[in-house]
PDB file of N, CA and C in Angstrom:
ATOM      1  N   MET A   1      -1.158   0.226  14.600  1.00  0.00           N
ATOM      2  CA  MET A   1      -1.920  -0.958  15.044  1.00  0.00           C
ATOM      3  C   MET A   1      -0.800  -1.779  15.740  1.00  0.00           C
ATOM      4  N   ILE A   2       0.315  -1.888  15.267  1.00  0.00           N
ATOM      5  CA  ILE A   2       1.507  -2.636  15.946  1.00  0.00           C
ATOM      6  C   ILE A   2       1.446  -1.979  17.278  1.00  0.00           C
ATOM      7  N   GLN A   3       1.609  -0.739  17.584  1.00  0.00           N
ATOM      8  CA  GLN A   3       2.001  -0.176  18.826  1.00  0.00           C
ATOM      9  C   GLN A   3       0.907  -0.566  19.774  1.00  0.00           C
ATOM     10  N   GLU A   4      -0.371  -0.449  19.273  1.00  0.00           N
ATOM     11  CA  GLU A   4      -1.413  -0.644  20.043  1.00  0.00           C
ATOM     12  C   GLU A   4      -2.174  -1.931  20.368  1.00  0.00           C
ATOM     13  N   LEU A   5      -1.878  -2.700  19.345  1.00  0.00           N
ATOM     14  CA  LEU A   5      -2.729  -3.939  19.491  1.00  0.00           C
ATOM     15  C   LEU A   5      -1.965  -5.385  19.523  1.00  0.00           C
ATOM     16  N   SER A   6      -0.587  -5.152  19.145  1.00  0.00           N
ATOM     17  CA  SER A   6       0.469  -6.471  19.086  1.00  0.00           C
ATOM     18  C   SER A   6       0.524  -7.172  20.413  1.00  0.00           C
ATOM     19  N   PHE A   7       0.218  -6.470  21.667  1.00  0.00           N
ATOM     20  CA  PHE A   7       0.306  -7.231  22.841  1.00  0.00           C
ATOM     21  C   PHE A   7      -1.026  -7.760  23.220  1.00  0.00           C
ATOM     22  N   ILE A   8      -2.013  -7.509  22.566  1.00  0.00           N
ATOM     23  CA  ILE A   8      -3.407  -7.929  23.059  1.00  0.00           C
ATOM     24  C   ILE A   8      -3.582  -9.363  22.482  1.00  0.00           C
ATOM     25  N   ASP A   9      -3.310  -9.627  21.305  1.00  0.00           N
ATOM     26  CA  ASP A   9      -3.818 -10.943  20.692  1.00  0.00           C
ATOM     27  C   ASP A   9      -2.452 -11.477  20.045  1.00  0.00           C
ATOM     28  N   ASP A  10      -2.214 -12.770  20.335  1.00  0.00           N
ATOM     29  CA  ASP A  10      -0.891 -13.375  19.683  1.00  0.00           C
ATOM     30  C   ASP A  10      -1.010 -13.554  18.317  1.00  0.00           C
ATOM     31  N   ASP A  11      -2.091 -13.994  17.763  1.00  0.00           N
ATOM     32  CA  ASP A  11      -2.492 -14.271  16.356  1.00  0.00           C
ATOM     33  C   ASP A  11      -2.107 -12.899  15.599  1.00  0.00           C
ATOM     34  N   PHE A  12      -2.811 -11.887  15.984  1.00  0.00           N
ATOM     35  CA  PHE A  12      -2.906 -10.610  15.620  1.00  0.00           C
ATOM     36  C   PHE A  12      -1.495  -9.951  15.543  1.00  0.00           C
ATOM     37  N   ALA A  13      -0.616 -10.218  16.575  1.00  0.00           N
ATOM     38  CA  ALA A  13       0.812  -9.728  16.683  1.00  0.00           C
ATOM     39  C   ALA A  13       1.679 -10.413  15.728  1.00  0.00           C
ATOM     40  N   ILE A  14       1.396 -11.817  15.316  1.00  0.00           N
ATOM     41  CA  ILE A  14       2.184 -12.762  14.307  1.00  0.00           C
ATOM     42  C   ILE A  14       1.756 -12.027  12.900  1.00  0.00           C
ATOM     43  N   ALA A  15       0.681 -11.575  12.635  1.00  0.00           N
ATOM     44  CA  ALA A  15       0.210 -11.150  11.384  1.00  0.00           C
ATOM     45  C   ALA A  15       0.949  -9.756  11.182  1.00  0.00           C
ATOM     46  N   LEU A  16       0.867  -8.862  12.145  1.00  0.00           N
ATOM     47  CA  LEU A  16       1.474  -7.541  12.135  1.00  0.00           C
ATOM     48  C   LEU A  16       2.945  -7.793  11.934  1.00  0.00           C
ATOM     49  N   GLN A  17       3.659  -8.899  12.644  1.00  0.00           N
ATOM     50  CA  GLN A  17       5.100  -8.930  12.549  1.00  0.00           C
ATOM     51  C   GLN A  17       5.570  -9.399  11.092  1.00  0.00           C
ATOM     52  N   ASN A  18       4.404 -10.249  10.502  1.00  0.00           N
ATOM     53  CA  ASN A  18       4.750 -10.585   9.184  1.00  0.00           C
ATOM     54  C   ASN A  18       4.605  -9.403   8.076  1.00  0.00           C
ATOM     55  N   VAL A  19       3.783  -8.304   8.372  1.00  0.00           N
ATOM     56  CA  VAL A  19       3.546  -7.310   7.716  1.00  0.00           C
ATOM     57  C   VAL A  19       4.993  -6.383   7.726  1.00  0.00           C
ATOM     58  N   TYR A  20       5.255  -6.315   8.960  1.00  0.00           N
ATOM     59  CA  TYR A  20       6.481  -5.600   9.292  1.00  0.00           C
ATOM     60  C   TYR A  20       7.716  -6.231   8.673  1.00  0.00           C
ATOM     61  N   LYS A  21       7.814  -7.423   8.635  1.00  0.00           N
ATOM     62  CA  LYS A  21       9.005  -8.192   8.158  1.00  0.00           C
ATOM     63  C   LYS A  21       8.869  -7.910   6.491  1.00  0.00           C
ATOM     64  N   ARG A  22       7.745  -7.854   5.986  1.00  0.00           N
ATOM     65  CA  ARG A  22       7.686  -7.793   4.395  1.00  0.00           C
ATOM     66  C   ARG A  22       8.041  -6.453   4.119  1.00  0.00           C
ATOM     67  N   TRP A  23       7.581  -5.376   5.049  1.00  0.00           N
ATOM     68  CA  TRP A  23       7.861  -4.065   4.530  1.00  0.00           C
ATOM     69  C   TRP A  23       9.512  -3.765   4.716  1.00  0.00           C
ATOM     70  N   HIS A  24      10.169  -4.372   5.722  1.00  0.00           N
ATOM     71  CA  HIS A  24      11.545  -4.468   5.793  1.00  0.00           C
ATOM     72  C   HIS A  24      12.290  -4.964   4.695  1.00  0.00           C
ATOM     73  N   GLU A  25      11.795  -6.064   4.304  1.00  0.00           N
ATOM     74  CA  GLU A  25      12.280  -6.856   3.105  1.00  0.00           C
ATOM     75  C   GLU A  25      12.264  -5.869   1.647  1.00  0.00           C
ATOM     76  N   VAL A  26      11.212  -5.173   1.498  1.00  0.00           N
ATOM     77  CA  VAL A  26      11.029  -4.448   0.378  1.00  0.00           C
ATOM     78  C   VAL A  26      11.976  -3.319   0.385  1.00  0.00           C
ATOM     79  N   LEU A  27      12.058  -2.646   1.582  1.00  0.00           N
ATOM     80  CA  LEU A  27      12.960  -1.395   1.781  1.00  0.00           C
ATOM     81  C   LEU A  27      14.511  -1.923   1.446  1.00  0.00           C
ATOM     82  N   LYS A  28      14.639  -3.035   2.165  1.00  0.00           N
ATOM     83  CA  LYS A  28      16.179  -3.639   2.208  1.00  0.00           C
ATOM     84  C   LYS A  28      16.591  -3.963   0.655  1.00  0.00           C
ATOM     85  N   ARG A  29      15.564  -4.463  -0.192  1.00  0.00           N
ATOM     86  CA  ARG A  29      15.890  -4.717  -1.696  1.00  0.00           C
ATOM     87  C   ARG A  29      16.092  -3.491  -2.435  1.00  0.00           C
ATOM     88  N   ALA A  30      15.079  -2.514  -2.053  1.00  0.00           N
ATOM     89  CA  ALA A  30      15.214  -1.249  -2.806  1.00  0.00           C
ATOM     90  C   ALA A  30      16.528  -0.488  -2.457  1.00  0.00           C
ATOM     91  N   LEU A  31      17.046  -0.551  -1.339  1.00  0.00           N
ATOM     92  CA  LEU A  31      18.259   0.119  -0.929  1.00  0.00           C
ATOM     93  C   LEU A  31      19.514  -0.625  -1.638  1.00  0.00           C
ATOM     94  N   GLU A  32      19.365  -2.116  -1.758  1.00  0.00           N
ATOM     95  CA  GLU A  32      20.289  -2.913  -2.261  1.00  0.00           C
ATOM     96  C   GLU A  32      20.499  -2.610  -3.957  1.00  0.00           C
ATOM     97  N   ASP A  33      19.202  -2.383  -4.267  1.00  0.00           N
ATOM     98  CA  ASP A  33      19.024  -2.116  -5.783  1.00  0.00           C
ATOM     99  C   ASP A  33      19.705  -0.742  -6.210  1.00  0.00           C
ATOM    100  N   ALA A  34      19.496   0.328  -5.355  1.00  0.00           N
ATOM    101  CA  ALA A  34      20.110   1.534  -5.430  1.00  0.00           C
ATOM    102  C   ALA A  34      21.626   1.475  -5.306  1.00  0.00           C
ATOM    103  N   GLN A  35      21.946   0.663  -4.370  1.00  0.00           N
ATOM    104  CA  GLN A  35      23.386   0.402  -4.281  1.00  0.00           C
ATOM    105  C   GLN A  35      24.170  -0.077  -5.404  1.00  0.00           C
ATOM    106  N   SER A  36      23.466  -1.053  -6.037  1.00  0.00           N
ATOM    107  CA  SER A  36      23.945  -1.744  -7.103  1.00  0.00           C
ATOM    108  C   SER A  36      23.869  -0.827  -8.338  1.00  0.00           C
ATOM    109  N   ALA A  37      22.911  -0.103  -8.489  1.00  0.00           N
ATOM    110  CA  ALA A  37      23.021   0.876  -9.536  1.00  0.00           C
ATOM    111  C   ALA A  37      23.746   2.036  -9.540  1.00  0.00           C
ATOM    112  N   GLY A  38      24.494   2.136  -8.251  1.00  0.00           N
ATOM    113  CA  GLY A  38      25.292   3.427  -8.074  1.00  0.00           C
ATOM    114  C   GLY A  38      24.713   4.690  -7.813  1.00  0.00           C
ATOM    115  N   GLU A  39      23.310   4.525  -7.342  1.00  0.00           N
ATOM    116  CA  GLU A  39      22.442   5.583  -6.901  1.00  0.00           C
ATOM    117  C   GLU A  39      22.735   6.115  -5.652  1.00  0.00           C
ATOM    118  N   CYS A  40      23.518   5.362  -4.729  1.00  0.00           N
ATOM    119  CA  CYS A  40      23.786   5.849  -3.476  1.00  0.00           C
ATOM    120  C   CYS A  40      25.168   5.106  -3.012  1.00  0.00           C
ATOM    121  N   SER A  41      25.590   5.475  -1.801  1.00  0.00           N
ATOM    122  CA  SER A  41      26.753   4.879  -1.450  1.00  0.00           C
ATOM    123  C   SER A  41      26.549   3.614  -1.159  1.00  0.00           C
ATOM    124  N   ALA A  42      27.655   2.633  -1.397  1.00  0.00           N
ATOM    125  CA  ALA A  42      27.652   1.288  -1.176  1.00  0.00           C
ATOM    126  C   ALA A  42      27.995   0.793   0.271  1.00  0.00           C
ATOM    127  N   ASP A  43      28.383   2.055   1.021  1.00  0.00           N
ATOM    128  CA  ASP A  43      28.903   1.875   2.292  1.00  0.00           C
ATOM    129  C   ASP A  43      27.925   1.757   3.460  1.00  0.00           C
ATOM    130  N   PHE A  44      26.955   0.984   3.382  1.00  0.00           N
ATOM    131  CA  PHE A  44      25.967   0.775   4.496  1.00  0.00           C
ATOM    132  C   PHE A  44      25.240  -0.409   4.355  1.00  0.00           C
ATOM    133  N   ASN A  45      24.697  -0.801   5.562  1.00  0.00           N
ATOM    134  CA  ASN A  45      24.170  -2.102   5.730  1.00  0.00           C
ATOM    135  C   ASN A  45      22.696  -1.829   5.169  1.00  0.00           C
ATOM    136  N   SER A  46      22.205  -2.396   4.327  1.00  0.00           N
ATOM    137  CA  SER A  46      20.729  -2.065   3.741  1.00  0.00           C
ATOM    138  C   SER A  46      19.791  -2.646   4.767  1.00  0.00           C
ATOM    139  N   GLY A  47      20.053  -3.691   5.531  1.00  0.00           N
ATOM    140  CA  GLY A  47      19.013  -4.229   6.372  1.00  0.00           C
ATOM    141  C   GLY A  47      18.995  -3.082   7.695  1.00  0.00           C
ATOM    142  N   ASP A  48      19.963  -2.759   8.106  1.00  0.00           N
ATOM    143  CA  ASP A  48      19.855  -1.663   9.114  1.00  0.00           C
ATOM    144  C   ASP A  48      19.465  -0.564   8.648  1.00  0.00           C
ATOM    145  N   GLU A  49      19.618  -0.003   7.585  1.00  0.00           N
ATOM    146  CA  GLU A  49      19.080   1.353   6.991  1.00  0.00           C
ATOM    147  C   GLU A  49      17.560   1.067   6.955  1.00  0.00           C
ATOM    148  N   ALA A  50      17.110  -0.004   6.440  1.00  0.00           N
ATOM    149  CA  ALA A  50      15.638  -0.280   6.148  1.00  0.00           C
ATOM    150  C   ALA A  50      15.071  -0.206   7.729  1.00  0.00           C
ATOM    151  N   LEU A  51      15.649  -0.975   8.558  1.00  0.00           N
ATOM    152  CA  LEU A  51      14.900  -0.681   9.915  1.00  0.00           C
ATOM    153  C   LEU A  51      14.986   0.612  10.555  1.00  0.00           C
ATOM    154  N   PHE A  52      15.967   1.402  10.203  1.00  0.00           N
ATOM    155  CA  PHE A  52      15.970   2.906  10.658  1.00  0.00           C
ATOM    156  C   PHE A  52      15.026   3.692   9.923  1.00  0.00           C
ATOM    157  N   ILE A  53      14.719   3.238   8.607  1.00  0.00           N
ATOM    158  CA  ILE A  53      13.727   3.942   7.873  1.00  0.00           C
ATOM    159  C   ILE A  53      12.305   3.699   8.533  1.00  0.00           C
ATOM    160  N   ILE A  54      12.096   2.531   8.719  1.00  0.00           N
ATOM    161  CA  ILE A  54      10.735   2.153   9.279  1.00  0.00           C
ATOM    162  C   ILE A  54      10.597   2.702  10.649  1.00  0.00           C
ATOM    163  N   SER A  55      11.516   2.584  11.408  1.00  0.00           N
ATOM    164  CA  SER A  55      11.435   3.083  12.796  1.00  0.00           C
ATOM    165  C   SER A  55      11.218   4.689  12.817  1.00  0.00           C
ATOM    166  N   SER A  56      11.780   5.374  11.892  1.00  0.00           N
ATOM    167  CA  SER A  56      11.593   6.748  11.657  1.00  0.00           C
ATOM    168  C   SER A  56      10.103   7.168  11.288  1.00  0.00           C
ATOM    169  N   ILE A  57       9.731   6.123  10.365  1.00  0.00           N
ATOM    170  CA  ILE A  57       8.323   6.336   9.813  1.00  0.00           C
ATOM    171  C   ILE A  57       7.385   6.144  11.225  1.00  0.00           C
ATOM    172  N   GLU A  58       7.579   5.020  11.825  1.00  0.00           N
ATOM    173  CA  GLU A  58       6.721   4.800  12.882  1.00  0.00           C
ATOM    174  C   GLU A  58       6.780   5.966  14.089  1.00  0.00           C
ATOM    175  N   GLY A  59       8.104   6.393  14.309  1.00  0.00           N
ATOM    176  CA  GLY A  59       8.210   7.538  15.235  1.00  0.00           C
ATOM    177  C   GLY A  59       7.533   8.615  14.666  1.00  0.00           C
ATOM    178  N   SER A  60       7.644   8.915  13.534  1.00  0.00           N
ATOM    179  CA  SER A  60       6.901  10.206  12.816  1.00  0.00           C
ATOM    180  C   SER A  60       5.215  10.112  13.180  1.00  0.00           C
ATOM    181  N   ILE A  61       4.732   8.877  12.902  1.00  0.00           N
ATOM    182  CA  ILE A  61       3.229   8.754  13.245  1.00  0.00           C
ATOM    183  C   ILE A  61       3.008   8.901  14.734  1.00  0.00           C
ATOM    184  N   SER A  62       3.913   8.381  15.614  1.00  0.00           N
ATOM    185  CA  SER A  62       3.697   8.566  17.001  1.00  0.00           C
ATOM    186  C   SER A  62       3.751   9.835  17.535  1.00  0.00           C
ATOM    187  N   SER A  63       4.804  10.633  16.940  1.00  0.00           N
ATOM    188  CA  SER A  63       4.818  11.905  17.293  1.00  0.00           C
ATOM    189  C   SER A  63       3.561  12.790  16.961  1.00  0.00           C
ATOM    190  N   ALA A  64       3.169  12.617  15.747  1.00  0.00           N
ATOM    191  CA  ALA A  64       1.980  13.303  15.383  1.00  0.00           C
ATOM    192  C   ALA A  64       0.663  12.954  16.318  1.00  0.00           C
ATOM    193  N   LYS A  65       0.623  11.643  16.579  1.00  0.00           N
ATOM    194  CA  LYS A  65      -0.351  11.270  17.449  1.00  0.00           C
ATOM    195  C   LYS A  65      -0.515  11.717  18.772  1.00  0.00           C
ATOM    196  N   VAL A  66       0.725  11.719  19.360  1.00  0.00           N
ATOM    197  CA  VAL A  66       0.990  12.310  20.887  1.00  0.00           C
ATOM    198  C   VAL A  66       0.546  13.800  20.908  1.00  0.00           C
ATOM    199  N   PHE A  67       1.041  14.422  19.901  1.00  0.00           N
ATOM    200  CA  PHE A  67       0.817  16.110  19.920  1.00  0.00           C
ATOM    201  C   PHE A  67      -0.456  16.386  19.119  1.00  0.00           C
ATOM    202  N   GLN A  68      -1.047  15.297  18.474  1.00  0.00           N
ATOM    203  CA  GLN A  68      -2.331  15.712  17.750  1.00  0.00           C
ATOM    204  C   GLN A  68      -2.220  16.782  16.797  1.00  0.00           C
ATOM    205  N   ASP A  69      -0.922  16.641  16.148  1.00  0.00           N
ATOM    206  CA  ASP A  69      -0.653  17.744  15.180  1.00  0.00           C
ATOM    207  C   ASP A  69       0.191  16.985  14.057  1.00  0.00           C
ATOM    208  N   LEU A  70      -0.460  17.063  12.886  1.00  0.00           N
ATOM    209  CA  LEU A  70       0.085  16.451  11.555  1.00  0.00           C
ATOM    210  C   LEU A  70       1.443  17.041  11.239  1.00  0.00           C
ATOM    211  N   SER A  71       1.688  18.187  11.755  1.00  0.00           N
ATOM    212  CA  SER A  71       2.940  18.968  11.265  1.00  0.00           C
ATOM    213  C   SER A  71       4.227  18.320  11.885  1.00  0.00           C
ATOM    214  N   TYR A  72       4.006  17.475  13.136  1.00  0.00           N
ATOM    215  CA  TYR A  72       5.083  16.731  13.491  1.00  0.00           C
ATOM    216  C   TYR A  72       5.512  15.661  12.620  1.00  0.00           C
ATOM    217  N   TYR A  73       4.526  14.857  11.959  1.00  0.00           N
ATOM    218  CA  TYR A  73       4.635  13.877  11.049  1.00  0.00           C
ATOM    219  C   TYR A  73       5.376  14.591   9.726  1.00  0.00           C
ATOM    220  N   GLU A  74       4.905  15.553   9.335  1.00  0.00           N
ATOM    221  CA  GLU A  74       5.427  16.310   8.150  1.00  0.00           C
ATOM    222  C   GLU A  74       6.968  16.780   8.356  1.00  0.00           C
ATOM    223  N   ARG A  75       7.154  17.280   9.570  1.00  0.00           N
ATOM    224  CA  ARG A  75       8.509  17.745   9.612  1.00  0.00           C
ATOM    225  C   ARG A  75       9.490  16.696   9.917  1.00  0.00           C
ATOM    226  N   SER A  76       9.177  15.568  10.642  1.00  0.00           N
ATOM    227  CA  SER A  76       9.972  14.681  10.754  1.00  0.00           C
ATOM    228  C   SER A  76      10.060  13.757   9.580  1.00  0.00           C
ATOM    229  N   THR A  77       9.202  13.552   8.741  1.00  0.00           N
ATOM    230  CA  THR A  77       9.405  12.853   7.396  1.00  0.00           C
ATOM    231  C   THR A  77      10.302  13.647   6.383  1.00  0.00           C
ATOM    232  N   ARG A  78      10.225  15.182   6.465  1.00  0.00           N
ATOM    233  CA  ARG A  78      11.166  15.712   5.615  1.00  0.00           C
ATOM    234  C   ARG A  78      12.550  15.528   6.201  1.00  0.00           C
ATOM    235  N   GLY A  79      12.777  15.370   7.369  1.00  0.00           N
ATOM    236  CA  GLY A  79      14.146  15.081   7.793  1.00  0.00           C
ATOM    237  C   GLY A  79      14.478  13.663   7.313  1.00  0.00           C
ATOM    238  N   LEU A  80      13.724  12.541   7.412  1.00  0.00           N
ATOM    239  CA  LEU A  80      13.809  11.448   6.814  1.00  0.00           C
ATOM    240  C   LEU A  80      14.191  11.242   5.559  1.00  0.00           C
ATOM    241  N   ILE A  81      13.566  12.144   4.678  1.00  0.00           N
ATOM    242  CA  ILE A  81      13.792  12.234   3.112  1.00  0.00           C
ATOM    243  C   ILE A  81      15.180  12.826   2.859  1.00  0.00           C
ATOM    244  N   SER A  82      15.604  13.746   3.623  1.00  0.00           N
ATOM    245  CA  SER A  82      16.866  14.549   3.622  1.00  0.00           C
ATOM    246  C   SER A  82      18.061  13.511   3.860  1.00  0.00           C
ATOM    247  N   TYR A  83      17.586  12.610   4.897  1.00  0.00           N
ATOM    248  CA  TYR A  83      18.516  11.593   5.301  1.00  0.00           C
ATOM    249  C   TYR A  83      18.713  10.563   4.090  1.00  0.00           C
ATOM    250  N   ILE A  84      17.700  10.005   3.471  1.00  0.00           N
ATOM    251  CA  ILE A  84      17.724   8.985   2.612  1.00  0.00           C
ATOM    252  C   ILE A  84      18.268   9.501   1.307  1.00  0.00           C
ATOM    253  N   LYS A  85      18.086  10.896   1.053  1.00  0.00           N
ATOM    254  CA  LYS A  85      18.747  11.476  -0.127  1.00  0.00           C
ATOM    255  C   LYS A  85      20.222  11.557   0.178  1.00  0.00           C
ATOM    256  N   ALA A  86      20.609  11.670   1.211  1.00  0.00           N
ATOM    257  CA  ALA A  86      22.113  11.761   1.656  1.00  0.00           C
ATOM    258  C   ALA A  86      22.993  10.415   1.524  1.00  0.00           C
ATOM    259  N   LEU A  87      21.958   9.350   1.556  1.00  0.00           N
ATOM    260  CA  LEU A  87      22.666   7.979   1.465  1.00  0.00           C
ATOM    261  C   LEU A  87      23.411   7.842   0.076  1.00  0.00           C
TER     262      LEU A  87
END
């Protein structure tokens, strides 16, 4: 919806931005919690990594949509999971 509808209606765009901001904040806090617990490296910016994760998920969805093939989503999310585990 963000990619398709955010430019059509300003109120809808604001609502989508709020959802996106909340998603980012939840991921950022989860990464910070993992850093504090020693479950991952402490040597990264949790806000930047949260943005990268969201962008990767959105890109995975777009790839599957463009190619009309769910395997693009599955393959790219496997790569993202590997990336997250390496943190």
